[in-house]
């Protein structure tokens, strides 16, 4: 996951702005960034980056609520997710999606810091 941390450094400012907009406008208390290198678009979230180059991450912003509506996170497990969700003022919640797997990762908003 160290490569993800380094790969998203160029997007740190726009990710911070997206997080603050979601929190300030009370859209959600649980913003989630969706990272994908897949050619096919995931029908999830709103684009944060405009990446067309192969090998680079596509970054979208979503919310826990959208994950539930689209059955990515089961409604019965929302409380479990909330219990592990870290403070969005201090950490980004990433849903990293590759052909091999998909997983949630939390990284400090100050990406240069180690967790």
Protein backbone atom coordinates (compact mmCIF):
# COMPACT_ATOMS: atom_id res chain seq x y z
CA UNK A 1 0.00 0.00 0.00
CA UNK A 2 3.04 2.26 0.18
CA UNK A 3 2.81 2.72 -3.60
CA UNK A 4 -0.80 3.89 -3.25
CA UNK A 5 0.30 6.52 -0.73
CA UNK A 6 2.95 7.80 -3.13
CA UNK A 7 0.70 7.55 -6.21
CA UNK A 8 -1.99 9.76 -4.72
CA UNK A 9 0.33 12.52 -3.51
CA UNK A 10 -0.48 14.65 -6.59
CA UNK A 11 -4.17 14.44 -5.68
CA UNK A 12 -3.84 15.29 -1.97
CA UNK A 13 -5.15 18.85 -2.36
CA UNK A 14 -8.22 17.91 -4.38
CA UNK A 15 -8.90 14.97 -2.05
CA UNK A 16 -8.74 17.33 0.94
CA UNK A 17 -11.13 19.73 -0.78
CA UNK A 18 -13.56 16.90 -1.61
CA UNK A 19 -13.46 15.61 1.96
CA UNK A 20 -14.10 19.06 3.39
CA UNK A 21 -16.99 19.69 0.97
CA UNK A 22 -18.68 16.42 1.94
CA UNK A 23 -18.24 17.10 5.65
CA UNK A 24 -19.05 20.84 5.54
CA UNK A 25 -22.24 20.30 3.51
CA UNK A 26 -23.21 17.38 5.72
CA UNK A 27 -23.49 15.05 2.73
CA UNK A 28 -21.97 12.30 4.85
CA UNK A 29 -19.80 11.76 7.89
CA UNK A 30 -18.01 8.96 6.02
CA UNK A 31 -16.35 10.04 2.75
CA UNK A 32 -14.63 7.22 0.86
CA UNK A 33 -12.17 7.56 -2.02
CA UNK A 34 -12.44 4.84 -4.66
CA UNK A 35 -9.11 4.02 -6.34
CA UNK A 36 -9.04 1.85 -9.43
CA UNK A 37 -6.61 1.05 -12.21
CA UNK A 38 -9.20 -0.92 -14.15
CA UNK A 39 -10.07 0.15 -17.69
CA UNK A 40 -13.78 -0.20 -17.03
CA UNK A 41 -15.27 2.53 -14.91
CA UNK A 42 -16.76 1.58 -11.59
CA UNK A 43 -20.29 2.93 -11.31
CA UNK A 44 -19.45 4.44 -7.97
CA UNK A 45 -18.62 7.94 -6.79
CA UNK A 46 -17.79 11.17 -8.55
CA UNK A 47 -14.46 11.66 -10.36
CA UNK A 48 -11.72 13.49 -8.48
CA UNK A 49 -9.07 12.86 -11.12
CA UNK A 50 -9.18 12.86 -14.87
CA UNK A 51 -6.78 9.99 -15.51
CA UNK A 52 -6.83 8.19 -18.82
CA UNK A 53 -3.28 6.85 -18.76
CA UNK A 54 -2.90 3.13 -18.15
CA UNK A 55 -1.18 2.25 -14.91
CA UNK A 56 -2.33 5.33 -13.01
CA UNK A 57 -5.05 5.35 -10.40
CA UNK A 58 -8.47 6.71 -11.12
CA UNK A 59 -9.71 8.47 -7.99
CA UNK A 60 -13.39 9.02 -7.23
CA UNK A 61 -15.10 10.24 -4.09
CA UNK A 62 -18.05 8.42 -2.62
CA UNK A 63 -19.73 7.94 0.75
CA UNK A 64 -20.65 5.09 3.03
CA UNK A 65 -24.28 5.74 2.15
CA UNK A 66 -23.61 5.16 -1.56
CA UNK A 67 -21.71 1.96 -0.71
CA UNK A 68 -24.82 0.72 1.13
CA UNK A 69 -27.25 1.76 -1.62
CA UNK A 70 -25.12 -0.05 -4.23
CA UNK A 71 -24.76 -3.13 -1.99
CA UNK A 72 -20.98 -2.90 -1.75
CA UNK A 73 -21.27 -2.65 2.01
CA UNK A 74 -24.18 -4.60 3.47
CA UNK A 75 -26.63 -2.51 5.47
CA UNK A 76 -26.36 -5.03 8.32
CA UNK A 77 -22.62 -4.32 8.57
CA UNK A 78 -22.74 -0.51 8.60
CA UNK A 79 -22.17 -0.30 12.35
CA UNK A 80 -19.13 -2.60 12.01
CA UNK A 81 -17.73 -0.31 9.31
CA UNK A 82 -18.39 2.82 11.36
CA UNK A 83 -16.50 1.26 14.28
CA UNK A 84 -13.31 0.92 12.19
CA UNK A 85 -13.74 4.15 10.21
CA UNK A 86 -11.10 6.68 11.23
CA UNK A 87 -11.58 10.39 11.77
CA UNK A 88 -12.00 11.93 8.28
CA UNK A 89 -10.30 15.11 9.45
CA UNK A 90 -7.15 13.05 10.05
CA UNK A 91 -7.39 10.09 7.62
CA UNK A 92 -8.54 9.32 4.11
CA UNK A 93 -10.62 6.18 3.72
CA UNK A 94 -9.63 4.50 0.47
CA UNK A 95 -11.44 1.66 -1.26
CA UNK A 96 -8.65 0.23 -3.41
CA UNK A 97 -10.03 -1.84 -6.27
CA UNK A 98 -7.82 -4.05 -8.47
CA UNK A 99 -8.48 -7.16 -10.56
CA UNK A 100 -7.12 -9.30 -7.73
CA UNK A 101 -8.98 -7.76 -4.79
CA UNK A 102 -10.75 -4.84 -3.23
CA UNK A 103 -10.04 -3.54 0.24
CA UNK A 104 -10.41 -0.56 2.51
CA UNK A 105 -7.26 1.28 3.55
CA UNK A 106 -6.85 4.31 5.81
CA UNK A 107 -3.97 6.70 5.24
CA UNK A 108 -3.18 9.96 7.03
CA UNK A 109 -4.51 13.09 5.35
CA UNK A 110 -0.99 14.38 5.72
CA UNK A 111 0.10 11.67 3.28
CA UNK A 112 3.77 12.20 3.95
CA UNK A 113 3.27 10.96 7.53
CA UNK A 114 3.33 7.27 8.39
CA UNK A 115 0.27 5.79 10.08
